Amino acid sequence: MPISLSEMESAARALGRQLTPQEAQGLARYISLLSLWNTRMNLVGARHWRAMLELAQDSWHVADVLHRWDQSPRLTLDLGAGAGLPGIPLRLFWKQGDYVLVEPRHKRSVFLRQAVVELGLSHTKVAACRMEELPSELRHADLVLARAFLPPPELLAAARSVLRPGGTLLLMTRQDLTLPNDYVLARTYTYTARAQRQQLLLVTWRGHEGGNLG
């Protein structure tokens, strides 16, 4: 059953977000598509569209952080993009630069491509491969983010192989972290979603000259 714009706008307001008509339409299309594909394959545990919207609210919080950030990344990598959360809704709210959804699992990468096409997301594409298999032109990202790709300490280590020196990693975590010496905290943002405190950390990788690369 299609999700009306009024239903989407009302549900988002209940989560504390005022959507533009374009954002509401895009979210309705994405969640409708996610619901359809979720009957064929287990993309997300949520079954009702309102529960799926609760998962998508991280996307607008990430967008808020990136809009306030004083950088304009030309290339963003979304590692382990899965069902497209936060990446697909994020591109409705934040459209800076080129955005690559990295997802090696075939069925999920097909879903992501379908979502990108149906939502008309510009400068957004899918790389159906493992992070280690990314071509050289995609291994110098200005920004890397991931939702549940790896635990934060492992993600900090892995991101070095795809970040340019001076590039930034966005961590989505509820943990307090001790950063390696070659990462510098640039910004912290906290919010509440799904009755839990969430934390977004923007950390800048200083590159190999920063030391402690092990």
N, C-alpha and C. Protein backbone atom coordinates (compact mmCIF):
# COMPACT_ATOMS: atom_id res chain seq x y z
N MET A 1 0.85 -1.20 0.00
CA MET A 1 0.00 0.00 0.00
C MET A 1 0.89 1.25 0.00
N PRO A 2 0.69 2.17 -0.94
CA PRO A 2 1.53 3.37 -1.01
C PRO A 2 1.44 4.21 0.26
N ILE A 3 2.55 4.86 0.58
CA ILE A 3 2.60 5.76 1.73
C ILE A 3 2.31 7.17 1.23
N SER A 4 1.30 7.82 1.77
CA SER A 4 0.96 9.17 1.32
C SER A 4 1.96 10.17 1.89
N LEU A 5 2.07 11.31 1.22
CA LEU A 5 2.97 12.36 1.70
C LEU A 5 2.53 12.86 3.07
N SER A 6 1.24 12.98 3.28
CA SER A 6 0.76 13.47 4.58
C SER A 6 1.11 12.48 5.69
N GLU A 7 1.00 11.18 5.40
CA GLU A 7 1.39 10.18 6.40
C GLU A 7 2.88 10.27 6.71
N MET A 8 3.69 10.41 5.68
CA MET A 8 5.13 10.49 5.88
C MET A 8 5.50 11.75 6.65
N GLU A 9 4.92 12.88 6.27
CA GLU A 9 5.22 14.13 6.97
C GLU A 9 4.80 14.05 8.43
N SER A 10 3.64 13.47 8.70
CA SER A 10 3.16 13.33 10.07
C SER A 10 4.05 12.41 10.89
N ALA A 11 4.45 11.28 10.31
CA ALA A 11 5.31 10.33 11.02
C ALA A 11 6.67 10.94 11.32
N ALA A 12 7.21 11.72 10.38
CA ALA A 12 8.50 12.36 10.61
C ALA A 12 8.40 13.43 11.69
N ARG A 13 7.29 14.19 11.69
CA ARG A 13 7.10 15.20 12.75
C ARG A 13 7.08 14.54 14.12
N ALA A 14 6.48 13.36 14.21
CA ALA A 14 6.45 12.64 15.49
C ALA A 14 7.85 12.26 15.95
N LEU A 15 8.78 12.17 15.00
CA LEU A 15 10.18 11.88 15.32
C LEU A 15 11.02 13.15 15.42
N GLY A 16 10.36 14.31 15.33
CA GLY A 16 11.05 15.58 15.51
C GLY A 16 11.59 16.21 14.25
N ARG A 17 11.13 15.76 13.07
CA ARG A 17 11.66 16.29 11.82
C ARG A 17 10.56 16.86 10.95
N GLN A 18 10.76 18.09 10.49
CA GLN A 18 9.86 18.72 9.53
C GLN A 18 10.43 18.49 8.14
N LEU A 19 9.76 17.71 7.33
CA LEU A 19 10.24 17.39 5.99
C LEU A 19 9.70 18.37 4.96
N THR A 20 10.51 18.65 3.94
CA THR A 20 9.99 19.34 2.77
C THR A 20 9.16 18.35 1.96
N PRO A 21 8.29 18.83 1.07
CA PRO A 21 7.53 17.89 0.23
C PRO A 21 8.43 16.96 -0.57
N GLN A 22 9.57 17.48 -1.06
CA GLN A 22 10.48 16.65 -1.84
C GLN A 22 11.11 15.56 -0.97
N GLU A 23 11.49 15.93 0.26
CA GLU A 23 12.06 14.93 1.17
C GLU A 23 11.03 13.87 1.54
N ALA A 24 9.81 14.31 1.81
CA ALA A 24 8.74 13.36 2.16
C ALA A 24 8.47 12.40 1.01
N GLN A 25 8.44 12.92 -0.20
CA GLN A 25 8.19 12.08 -1.36
C GLN A 25 9.32 11.07 -1.55
N GLY A 26 10.56 11.53 -1.41
CA GLY A 26 11.70 10.64 -1.56
C GLY A 26 11.72 9.54 -0.51
N LEU A 27 11.46 9.91 0.74
CA LEU A 27 11.42 8.91 1.81
C LEU A 27 10.29 7.91 1.60
N ALA A 28 9.14 8.40 1.16
CA ALA A 28 8.01 7.50 0.90
C ALA A 28 8.36 6.50 -0.20
N ARG A 29 9.02 6.96 -1.25
CA ARG A 29 9.42 6.06 -2.33
C ARG A 29 10.44 5.04 -1.84
N TYR A 30 11.43 5.52 -1.09
CA TYR A 30 12.47 4.61 -0.61
C TYR A 30 11.89 3.56 0.33
N ILE A 31 11.09 3.97 1.29
CA ILE A 31 10.56 3.03 2.27
C ILE A 31 9.55 2.08 1.62
N SER A 32 8.80 2.55 0.64
CA SER A 32 7.91 1.65 -0.10
C SER A 32 8.72 0.59 -0.84
N LEU A 33 9.81 1.01 -1.46
CA LEU A 33 10.68 0.07 -2.17
C LEU A 33 11.33 -0.90 -1.19
N LEU A 34 11.80 -0.38 -0.06
CA LEU A 34 12.41 -1.22 0.97
C LEU A 34 11.41 -2.25 1.49
N SER A 35 10.17 -1.83 1.70
CA SER A 35 9.13 -2.75 2.18
C SER A 35 8.88 -3.86 1.17
N LEU A 36 8.83 -3.50 -0.11
CA LEU A 36 8.59 -4.49 -1.16
C LEU A 36 9.72 -5.51 -1.22
N TRP A 37 10.94 -5.03 -1.26
CA TRP A 37 12.08 -5.94 -1.35
C TRP A 37 12.27 -6.74 -0.06
N ASN A 38 11.83 -6.18 1.05
CA ASN A 38 11.99 -6.87 2.33
C ASN A 38 11.12 -8.12 2.40
N THR A 39 10.10 -8.21 1.56
CA THR A 39 9.28 -9.42 1.52
C THR A 39 9.99 -10.54 0.76
N ARG A 40 10.99 -10.18 -0.03
CA ARG A 40 11.72 -11.16 -0.84
C ARG A 40 13.04 -11.56 -0.20
N MET A 41 13.64 -10.65 0.54
CA MET A 41 14.93 -10.90 1.18
C MET A 41 14.98 -10.08 2.46
N ASN A 42 15.73 -10.54 3.40
CA ASN A 42 15.75 -9.90 4.71
C ASN A 42 16.72 -8.72 4.71
N LEU A 43 16.24 -7.58 4.24
CA LEU A 43 17.08 -6.38 4.22
C LEU A 43 17.18 -5.74 5.59
N VAL A 44 16.05 -5.60 6.28
CA VAL A 44 16.01 -5.02 7.63
C VAL A 44 15.03 -5.83 8.47
N GLY A 45 15.22 -5.78 9.79
CA GLY A 45 14.33 -6.51 10.68
C GLY A 45 12.96 -5.89 10.80
N ALA A 46 12.89 -4.57 10.62
CA ALA A 46 11.60 -3.87 10.71
C ALA A 46 10.67 -4.33 9.60
N ARG A 47 9.37 -4.42 9.90
CA ARG A 47 8.40 -4.84 8.90
C ARG A 47 7.40 -3.73 8.55
N HIS A 48 7.04 -2.89 9.50
CA HIS A 48 6.10 -1.80 9.23
C HIS A 48 6.88 -0.57 8.76
N TRP A 49 6.27 0.18 7.86
CA TRP A 49 7.00 1.32 7.29
C TRP A 49 7.36 2.36 8.33
N ARG A 50 6.56 2.51 9.37
CA ARG A 50 6.90 3.49 10.41
C ARG A 50 8.15 3.06 11.18
N ALA A 51 8.31 1.76 11.38
CA ALA A 51 9.53 1.26 12.02
C ALA A 51 10.74 1.46 11.11
N MET A 52 10.53 1.34 9.80
CA MET A 52 11.62 1.60 8.86
C MET A 52 12.00 3.07 8.88
N LEU A 53 11.02 3.96 9.02
CA LEU A 53 11.31 5.38 9.12
C LEU A 53 12.14 5.68 10.36
N GLU A 54 11.88 4.97 11.45
CA GLU A 54 12.69 5.17 12.65
C GLU A 54 14.16 4.83 12.39
N LEU A 55 14.41 3.82 11.56
CA LEU A 55 15.78 3.51 11.18
C LEU A 55 16.38 4.62 10.30
N ALA A 56 15.53 5.22 9.47
CA ALA A 56 16.01 6.24 8.53
C ALA A 56 16.30 7.57 9.20
N GLN A 57 15.83 7.77 10.43
CA GLN A 57 16.04 9.08 11.05
C GLN A 57 17.52 9.38 11.30
N ASP A 58 18.36 8.34 11.40
CA ASP A 58 19.80 8.60 11.52
C ASP A 58 20.30 9.41 10.33
N SER A 59 19.69 9.19 9.17
CA SER A 59 20.15 9.85 7.95
C SER A 59 20.03 11.37 8.05
N TRP A 60 18.91 11.86 8.59
CA TRP A 60 18.79 13.33 8.65
C TRP A 60 19.69 13.91 9.73
N HIS A 61 20.00 13.15 10.76
CA HIS A 61 20.97 13.64 11.75
C HIS A 61 22.38 13.71 11.15
N VAL A 62 22.75 12.69 10.38
CA VAL A 62 24.03 12.73 9.68
C VAL A 62 24.06 13.93 8.73
N ALA A 63 22.98 14.17 8.01
CA ALA A 63 22.92 15.31 7.09
C ALA A 63 23.11 16.63 7.84
N ASP A 64 22.49 16.75 9.01
CA ASP A 64 22.63 17.98 9.79
C ASP A 64 24.09 18.22 10.15
N VAL A 65 24.80 17.16 10.56
CA VAL A 65 26.22 17.29 10.90
C VAL A 65 27.02 17.71 9.68
N LEU A 66 26.76 17.10 8.55
CA LEU A 66 27.54 17.40 7.35
C LEU A 66 27.24 18.79 6.82
N HIS A 67 26.02 19.27 6.97
CA HIS A 67 25.71 20.64 6.56
C HIS A 67 26.44 21.66 7.43
N ARG A 68 26.66 21.34 8.69
CA ARG A 68 27.35 22.26 9.60
C ARG A 68 28.87 22.15 9.49
N TRP A 69 29.34 21.11 8.87
CA TRP A 69 30.77 20.86 8.71
C TRP A 69 31.35 21.89 7.76
N ASP A 70 32.60 22.27 7.99
CA ASP A 70 33.22 23.31 7.16
C ASP A 70 33.99 22.73 5.98
N GLN A 71 33.65 21.50 5.58
CA GLN A 71 34.31 20.87 4.45
C GLN A 71 33.29 20.56 3.36
N SER A 72 33.78 20.41 2.14
CA SER A 72 32.92 20.06 1.00
C SER A 72 33.53 18.84 0.30
N PRO A 73 33.26 17.64 0.81
CA PRO A 73 33.89 16.45 0.24
C PRO A 73 33.49 16.21 -1.21
N ARG A 74 34.49 15.91 -2.02
CA ARG A 74 34.22 15.59 -3.43
C ARG A 74 33.85 14.12 -3.59
N LEU A 75 34.40 13.25 -2.72
CA LEU A 75 34.11 11.81 -2.80
C LEU A 75 33.81 11.27 -1.41
N THR A 76 32.65 10.65 -1.27
CA THR A 76 32.25 10.00 -0.02
C THR A 76 32.03 8.52 -0.29
N LEU A 77 32.59 7.68 0.58
CA LEU A 77 32.37 6.23 0.52
C LEU A 77 31.50 5.82 1.69
N ASP A 78 30.47 5.04 1.38
CA ASP A 78 29.57 4.47 2.39
C ASP A 78 29.84 2.97 2.41
N LEU A 79 30.59 2.50 3.42
CA LEU A 79 31.07 1.13 3.46
C LEU A 79 30.02 0.19 4.04
N GLY A 80 29.85 -0.97 3.40
CA GLY A 80 28.86 -1.93 3.87
C GLY A 80 27.47 -1.35 3.83
N ALA A 81 27.08 -0.80 2.68
CA ALA A 81 25.85 0.01 2.57
C ALA A 81 24.58 -0.78 2.82
N GLY A 82 24.59 -2.09 2.62
CA GLY A 82 23.46 -2.94 2.98
C GLY A 82 22.15 -2.54 2.33
N ALA A 83 21.18 -2.19 3.18
CA ALA A 83 19.85 -1.80 2.71
C ALA A 83 19.77 -0.31 2.36
N GLY A 84 20.91 0.37 2.42
CA GLY A 84 20.91 1.78 2.06
C GLY A 84 20.67 2.72 3.22
N LEU A 85 20.90 2.25 4.43
CA LEU A 85 20.75 3.08 5.62
C LEU A 85 22.12 3.27 6.27
N PRO A 86 22.59 4.49 6.38
CA PRO A 86 21.87 5.75 6.19
C PRO A 86 21.94 6.34 4.78
N GLY A 87 22.70 5.70 3.87
CA GLY A 87 23.11 6.37 2.65
C GLY A 87 22.02 6.85 1.72
N ILE A 88 21.02 6.00 1.42
CA ILE A 88 20.00 6.41 0.45
C ILE A 88 19.19 7.60 0.97
N PRO A 89 18.60 7.53 2.17
CA PRO A 89 17.89 8.73 2.66
C PRO A 89 18.82 9.93 2.86
N LEU A 90 20.07 9.67 3.24
CA LEU A 90 21.01 10.77 3.42
C LEU A 90 21.12 11.61 2.16
N ARG A 91 21.10 10.97 0.99
CA ARG A 91 21.24 11.71 -0.26
C ARG A 91 20.00 12.54 -0.60
N LEU A 92 18.91 12.32 0.10
CA LEU A 92 17.76 13.20 -0.03
C LEU A 92 17.97 14.51 0.72
N PHE A 93 18.78 14.46 1.79
CA PHE A 93 18.99 15.61 2.66
C PHE A 93 20.32 16.31 2.41
N TRP A 94 21.28 15.57 1.87
CA TRP A 94 22.65 16.10 1.69
C TRP A 94 23.17 15.61 0.35
N LYS A 95 23.48 16.53 -0.56
CA LYS A 95 23.77 16.14 -1.95
C LYS A 95 25.16 16.56 -2.40
N GLN A 96 26.05 16.77 -1.45
CA GLN A 96 27.39 17.25 -1.77
C GLN A 96 28.23 16.16 -2.44
N GLY A 97 28.92 16.50 -3.51
CA GLY A 97 29.92 15.64 -4.12
C GLY A 97 29.40 14.32 -4.67
N ASP A 98 30.34 13.42 -4.95
CA ASP A 98 30.02 12.07 -5.43
C ASP A 98 29.92 11.14 -4.23
N TYR A 99 28.92 10.26 -4.26
CA TYR A 99 28.65 9.37 -3.13
C TYR A 99 28.62 7.94 -3.67
N VAL A 100 29.44 7.06 -3.08
CA VAL A 100 29.53 5.68 -3.54
C VAL A 100 29.10 4.74 -2.42
N LEU A 101 28.06 3.96 -2.69
CA LEU A 101 27.57 2.94 -1.77
C LEU A 101 28.33 1.65 -2.06
N VAL A 102 29.15 1.21 -1.11
CA VAL A 102 29.99 0.03 -1.30
C VAL A 102 29.31 -1.17 -0.65
N GLU A 103 28.91 -2.15 -1.48
CA GLU A 103 28.17 -3.31 -0.97
C GLU A 103 28.50 -4.54 -1.81
N PRO A 104 29.21 -5.52 -1.23
CA PRO A 104 29.63 -6.69 -2.01
C PRO A 104 28.53 -7.73 -2.24
N ARG A 105 27.51 -7.76 -1.41
CA ARG A 105 26.47 -8.78 -1.55
C ARG A 105 25.57 -8.45 -2.74
N HIS A 106 25.43 -9.41 -3.65
CA HIS A 106 24.81 -9.14 -4.95
C HIS A 106 23.39 -8.62 -4.82
N LYS A 107 22.53 -9.32 -4.08
CA LYS A 107 21.13 -8.92 -4.01
C LYS A 107 20.98 -7.53 -3.41
N ARG A 108 21.77 -7.23 -2.41
CA ARG A 108 21.70 -5.90 -1.80
C ARG A 108 22.20 -4.83 -2.75
N SER A 109 23.24 -5.13 -3.50
CA SER A 109 23.74 -4.14 -4.46
C SER A 109 22.71 -3.89 -5.57
N VAL A 110 21.97 -4.93 -5.97
CA VAL A 110 20.91 -4.75 -6.96
C VAL A 110 19.81 -3.86 -6.39
N PHE A 111 19.44 -4.09 -5.14
CA PHE A 111 18.43 -3.24 -4.49
C PHE A 111 18.91 -1.79 -4.44
N LEU A 112 20.16 -1.59 -4.06
CA LEU A 112 20.68 -0.22 -3.95
C LEU A 112 20.63 0.49 -5.30
N ARG A 113 21.02 -0.21 -6.35
CA ARG A 113 20.97 0.40 -7.68
C ARG A 113 19.54 0.77 -8.06
N GLN A 114 18.60 -0.10 -7.73
CA GLN A 114 17.20 0.19 -8.02
C GLN A 114 16.73 1.42 -7.26
N ALA A 115 17.13 1.53 -5.99
CA ALA A 115 16.74 2.68 -5.18
C ALA A 115 17.33 3.97 -5.73
N VAL A 116 18.59 3.93 -6.13
CA VAL A 116 19.24 5.12 -6.69
C VAL A 116 18.50 5.59 -7.94
N VAL A 117 18.11 4.65 -8.80
CA VAL A 117 17.40 4.99 -10.04
C VAL A 117 16.01 5.52 -9.73
N GLU A 118 15.25 4.82 -8.90
CA GLU A 118 13.86 5.20 -8.64
C GLU A 118 13.76 6.54 -7.92
N LEU A 119 14.74 6.86 -7.08
CA LEU A 119 14.71 8.13 -6.36
C LEU A 119 15.39 9.24 -7.15
N GLY A 120 16.02 8.90 -8.27
CA GLY A 120 16.69 9.90 -9.09
C GLY A 120 17.83 10.59 -8.36
N LEU A 121 18.62 9.81 -7.62
CA LEU A 121 19.71 10.38 -6.83
C LEU A 121 20.91 10.67 -7.73
N SER A 122 21.24 11.94 -7.89
CA SER A 122 22.35 12.32 -8.75
C SER A 122 23.68 12.15 -8.02
N HIS A 123 24.73 11.93 -8.79
CA HIS A 123 26.09 11.78 -8.26
C HIS A 123 26.15 10.71 -7.17
N THR A 124 25.35 9.66 -7.33
CA THR A 124 25.29 8.57 -6.36
C THR A 124 25.34 7.26 -7.14
N LYS A 125 26.28 6.39 -6.77
CA LYS A 125 26.39 5.12 -7.48
C LYS A 125 26.73 4.00 -6.50
N VAL A 126 26.66 2.77 -7.01
CA VAL A 126 26.90 1.58 -6.20
C VAL A 126 28.16 0.89 -6.71
N ALA A 127 29.05 0.54 -5.79
CA ALA A 127 30.22 -0.29 -6.10
C ALA A 127 29.96 -1.67 -5.50
N ALA A 128 29.68 -2.65 -6.37
CA ALA A 128 29.33 -3.99 -5.90
C ALA A 128 30.60 -4.81 -5.68
N CYS A 129 31.31 -4.45 -4.63
CA CYS A 129 32.58 -5.12 -4.34
C CYS A 129 32.93 -4.93 -2.87
N ARG A 130 33.94 -5.65 -2.43
CA ARG A 130 34.46 -5.44 -1.09
C ARG A 130 35.29 -4.17 -1.06
N MET A 131 35.44 -3.60 0.12
CA MET A 131 36.24 -2.39 0.27
C MET A 131 37.64 -2.60 -0.31
N GLU A 132 38.22 -3.78 -0.06
CA GLU A 132 39.58 -4.07 -0.51
C GLU A 132 39.68 -4.14 -2.03
N GLU A 133 38.55 -4.29 -2.72
CA GLU A 133 38.54 -4.44 -4.17
C GLU A 133 38.20 -3.14 -4.90
N LEU A 134 38.04 -2.06 -4.17
CA LEU A 134 37.72 -0.78 -4.81
C LEU A 134 38.84 -0.36 -5.75
N PRO A 135 38.51 0.20 -6.91
CA PRO A 135 39.55 0.67 -7.83
C PRO A 135 40.32 1.84 -7.23
N SER A 136 41.50 2.07 -7.76
CA SER A 136 42.39 3.08 -7.18
C SER A 136 41.77 4.46 -7.14
N GLU A 137 40.93 4.80 -8.13
CA GLU A 137 40.34 6.14 -8.15
C GLU A 137 39.33 6.36 -7.03
N LEU A 138 38.90 5.28 -6.36
CA LEU A 138 37.96 5.41 -5.25
C LEU A 138 38.64 5.18 -3.90
N ARG A 139 39.96 5.16 -3.89
CA ARG A 139 40.67 4.85 -2.65
C ARG A 139 41.35 6.08 -2.04
N HIS A 140 40.83 7.25 -2.38
CA HIS A 140 41.34 8.50 -1.80
C HIS A 140 40.15 9.38 -1.42
N ALA A 141 39.25 8.82 -0.62
CA ALA A 141 38.00 9.51 -0.28
C ALA A 141 38.24 10.69 0.66
N ASP A 142 37.44 11.71 0.48
CA ASP A 142 37.44 12.84 1.41
C ASP A 142 36.67 12.51 2.67
N LEU A 143 35.64 11.66 2.53
CA LEU A 143 34.79 11.29 3.66
C LEU A 143 34.43 9.81 3.54
N VAL A 144 34.52 9.10 4.65
CA VAL A 144 34.11 7.70 4.74
C VAL A 144 33.12 7.57 5.88
N LEU A 145 32.04 6.85 5.66
CA LEU A 145 31.10 6.57 6.75
C LEU A 145 30.62 5.13 6.64
N ALA A 146 30.13 4.61 7.75
CA ALA A 146 29.59 3.26 7.79
C ALA A 146 28.70 3.16 9.01
N ARG A 147 27.64 2.39 8.88
CA ARG A 147 26.72 2.26 10.01
C ARG A 147 27.04 1.03 10.86
N ALA A 148 27.09 -0.14 10.26
CA ALA A 148 27.34 -1.36 11.03
C ALA A 148 28.32 -2.25 10.28
N PHE A 149 29.27 -1.64 9.61
CA PHE A 149 30.23 -2.35 8.77
C PHE A 149 31.25 -3.10 9.62
N LEU A 150 31.83 -2.40 10.58
CA LEU A 150 32.82 -2.97 11.49
C LEU A 150 32.69 -2.28 12.83
N PRO A 151 33.13 -2.91 13.93
CA PRO A 151 33.21 -2.19 15.20
C PRO A 151 34.12 -0.97 15.04
N PRO A 152 33.85 0.12 15.75
CA PRO A 152 34.62 1.36 15.55
C PRO A 152 36.14 1.20 15.56
N PRO A 153 36.75 0.45 16.49
CA PRO A 153 38.21 0.34 16.45
C PRO A 153 38.71 -0.30 15.15
N GLU A 154 37.98 -1.30 14.64
CA GLU A 154 38.36 -1.94 13.39
C GLU A 154 38.11 -1.03 12.19
N LEU A 155 37.04 -0.25 12.26
CA LEU A 155 36.74 0.68 11.17
C LEU A 155 37.81 1.77 11.09
N LEU A 156 38.27 2.24 12.23
CA LEU A 156 39.34 3.24 12.24
C LEU A 156 40.58 2.71 11.52
N ALA A 157 40.89 1.44 11.74
CA ALA A 157 42.05 0.84 11.08
C ALA A 157 41.81 0.64 9.59
N ALA A 158 40.63 0.12 9.24
CA ALA A 158 40.33 -0.20 7.85
C ALA A 158 40.22 1.05 6.98
N ALA A 159 39.70 2.13 7.54
CA ALA A 159 39.44 3.33 6.75
C ALA A 159 40.72 3.96 6.21
N ARG A 160 41.85 3.68 6.84
CA ARG A 160 43.11 4.26 6.37
C ARG A 160 43.41 3.88 4.93
N SER A 161 42.92 2.73 4.50
CA SER A 161 43.24 2.25 3.14
C SER A 161 42.41 2.94 2.06
N VAL A 162 41.37 3.67 2.45
CA VAL A 162 40.51 4.31 1.45
C VAL A 162 40.35 5.82 1.67
N LEU A 163 40.93 6.35 2.73
CA LEU A 163 40.91 7.79 2.99
C LEU A 163 42.15 8.45 2.41
N ARG A 164 41.99 9.65 1.90
CA ARG A 164 43.17 10.45 1.57
C ARG A 164 43.73 11.03 2.86
N PRO A 165 45.03 11.36 2.91
CA PRO A 165 45.54 12.07 4.09
C PRO A 165 44.78 13.37 4.29
N GLY A 166 44.31 13.60 5.50
CA GLY A 166 43.48 14.76 5.78
C GLY A 166 42.01 14.49 5.57
N GLY A 167 41.67 13.28 5.10
CA GLY A 167 40.26 12.90 4.94
C GLY A 167 39.61 12.61 6.28
N THR A 168 38.30 12.47 6.25
CA THR A 168 37.52 12.37 7.49
C THR A 168 36.68 11.10 7.51
N LEU A 169 36.63 10.48 8.67
CA LEU A 169 35.79 9.31 8.93
C LEU A 169 34.65 9.73 9.84
N LEU A 170 33.42 9.38 9.46
CA LEU A 170 32.26 9.64 10.31
C LEU A 170 31.89 8.33 11.00
N LEU A 171 32.00 8.33 12.32
CA LEU A 171 31.69 7.16 13.13
C LEU A 171 30.31 7.30 13.74
N MET A 172 29.51 6.26 13.60
CA MET A 172 28.19 6.21 14.22
C MET A 172 28.29 5.20 15.36
N THR A 173 28.28 5.68 16.59
CA THR A 173 28.57 4.80 17.71
C THR A 173 27.89 5.28 18.97
N ARG A 174 27.65 4.35 19.88
CA ARG A 174 27.17 4.71 21.22
C ARG A 174 28.30 4.58 22.24
N GLN A 175 29.49 4.24 21.75
CA GLN A 175 30.64 4.05 22.64
C GLN A 175 31.46 5.32 22.74
N ASP A 176 32.15 5.47 23.86
CA ASP A 176 33.20 6.47 23.97
C ASP A 176 34.49 5.81 23.49
N LEU A 177 35.21 6.49 22.62
CA LEU A 177 36.37 5.89 21.98
C LEU A 177 37.65 6.62 22.33
N THR A 178 38.74 5.87 22.37
CA THR A 178 40.07 6.44 22.41
C THR A 178 40.64 6.35 21.01
N LEU A 179 40.93 7.49 20.41
CA LEU A 179 41.38 7.51 19.02
C LEU A 179 42.86 7.18 18.91
N PRO A 180 43.26 6.48 17.83
CA PRO A 180 44.68 6.31 17.55
C PRO A 180 45.35 7.67 17.33
N ASN A 181 46.67 7.69 17.43
CA ASN A 181 47.40 8.96 17.36
C ASN A 181 47.26 9.66 16.01
N ASP A 182 46.95 8.88 14.95
CA ASP A 182 46.88 9.50 13.63
C ASP A 182 45.49 9.98 13.27
N TYR A 183 44.56 9.95 14.22
CA TYR A 183 43.23 10.51 14.04
C TYR A 183 43.01 11.66 15.02
N VAL A 184 42.33 12.70 14.53
CA VAL A 184 42.03 13.87 15.36
C VAL A 184 40.53 14.10 15.35
N LEU A 185 39.93 14.27 16.53
CA LEU A 185 38.50 14.54 16.62
C LEU A 185 38.19 15.93 16.09
N ALA A 186 37.28 16.01 15.11
CA ALA A 186 36.91 17.30 14.52
C ALA A 186 35.57 17.80 15.03
N ARG A 187 34.62 16.89 15.28
CA ARG A 187 33.28 17.32 15.69
C ARG A 187 32.56 16.14 16.35
N THR A 188 31.75 16.44 17.36
CA THR A 188 30.91 15.45 18.02
C THR A 188 29.47 15.93 18.00
N TYR A 189 28.56 15.02 17.75
CA TYR A 189 27.13 15.35 17.71
C TYR A 189 26.37 14.21 18.36
N THR A 190 25.51 14.52 19.31
CA THR A 190 24.71 13.49 19.97
C THR A 190 23.22 13.77 19.76
N TYR A 191 22.46 12.70 19.69
CA TYR A 191 21.01 12.81 19.54
C TYR A 191 20.38 11.54 20.09
N THR A 192 19.07 11.56 20.22
CA THR A 192 18.34 10.39 20.71
C THR A 192 17.49 9.82 19.59
N ALA A 193 17.60 8.53 19.38
CA ALA A 193 16.79 7.83 18.38
C ALA A 193 16.51 6.43 18.90
N ARG A 194 15.28 5.97 18.69
CA ARG A 194 14.89 4.64 19.15
C ARG A 194 15.16 4.46 20.64
N ALA A 195 14.89 5.56 21.39
CA ALA A 195 15.01 5.58 22.86
C ALA A 195 16.43 5.34 23.34
N GLN A 196 17.42 5.61 22.49
CA GLN A 196 18.81 5.44 22.89
C GLN A 196 19.63 6.65 22.46
N ARG A 197 20.65 6.95 23.24
CA ARG A 197 21.57 8.03 22.89
C ARG A 197 22.47 7.56 21.76
N GLN A 198 22.54 8.35 20.71
CA GLN A 198 23.39 8.06 19.56
C GLN A 198 24.47 9.13 19.48
N GLN A 199 25.60 8.76 18.91
CA GLN A 199 26.72 9.68 18.82
C GLN A 199 27.34 9.61 17.43
N LEU A 200 27.57 10.77 16.85
CA LEU A 200 28.28 10.87 15.58
C LEU A 200 29.60 11.58 15.83
N LEU A 201 30.68 10.97 15.38
CA LEU A 201 32.01 11.56 15.53
C LEU A 201 32.62 11.78 14.16
N LEU A 202 33.05 12.99 13.87
CA LEU A 202 33.85 13.27 12.69
C LEU A 202 35.30 13.30 13.12
N VAL A 203 36.10 12.37 12.59
CA VAL A 203 37.51 12.30 12.96
C VAL A 203 38.35 12.39 11.69
N THR A 204 39.40 13.18 11.75
CA THR A 204 40.26 13.42 10.59
C THR A 204 41.51 12.55 10.67
N TRP A 205 41.79 11.86 9.57
CA TRP A 205 43.01 11.05 9.51
C TRP A 205 44.16 11.92 9.01
N ARG A 206 45.23 11.97 9.79
CA ARG A 206 46.35 12.84 9.44
C ARG A 206 47.26 12.23 8.38
N GLY A 207 47.04 10.98 8.04
CA GLY A 207 47.89 10.34 7.03
C GLY A 207 49.06 9.64 7.68
N HIS A 208 49.90 9.07 6.84
CA HIS A 208 50.98 8.23 7.36
C HIS A 208 51.96 9.00 8.23
N GLU A 209 52.05 10.32 8.03
CA GLU A 209 52.95 11.09 8.87
C GLU A 209 52.42 11.21 10.30
N GLY A 210 51.16 10.82 10.53
CA GLY A 210 50.59 10.91 11.87
C GLY A 210 51.08 9.84 12.81
N GLY A 211 51.68 8.76 12.25
CA GLY A 211 52.19 7.70 13.12
C GLY A 211 51.11 6.77 13.58
N ASN A 212 51.51 5.73 14.31
CA ASN A 212 50.60 4.74 14.89
C ASN A 212 49.64 4.18 13.85
N LEU A 213 50.19 3.55 12.85
CA LEU A 213 49.37 2.98 11.79
C LEU A 213 49.09 1.50 12.01
N GLY A 214 49.47 0.98 13.12
CA GLY A 214 49.26 -0.44 13.37
C GLY A 214 47.92 -0.72 13.97
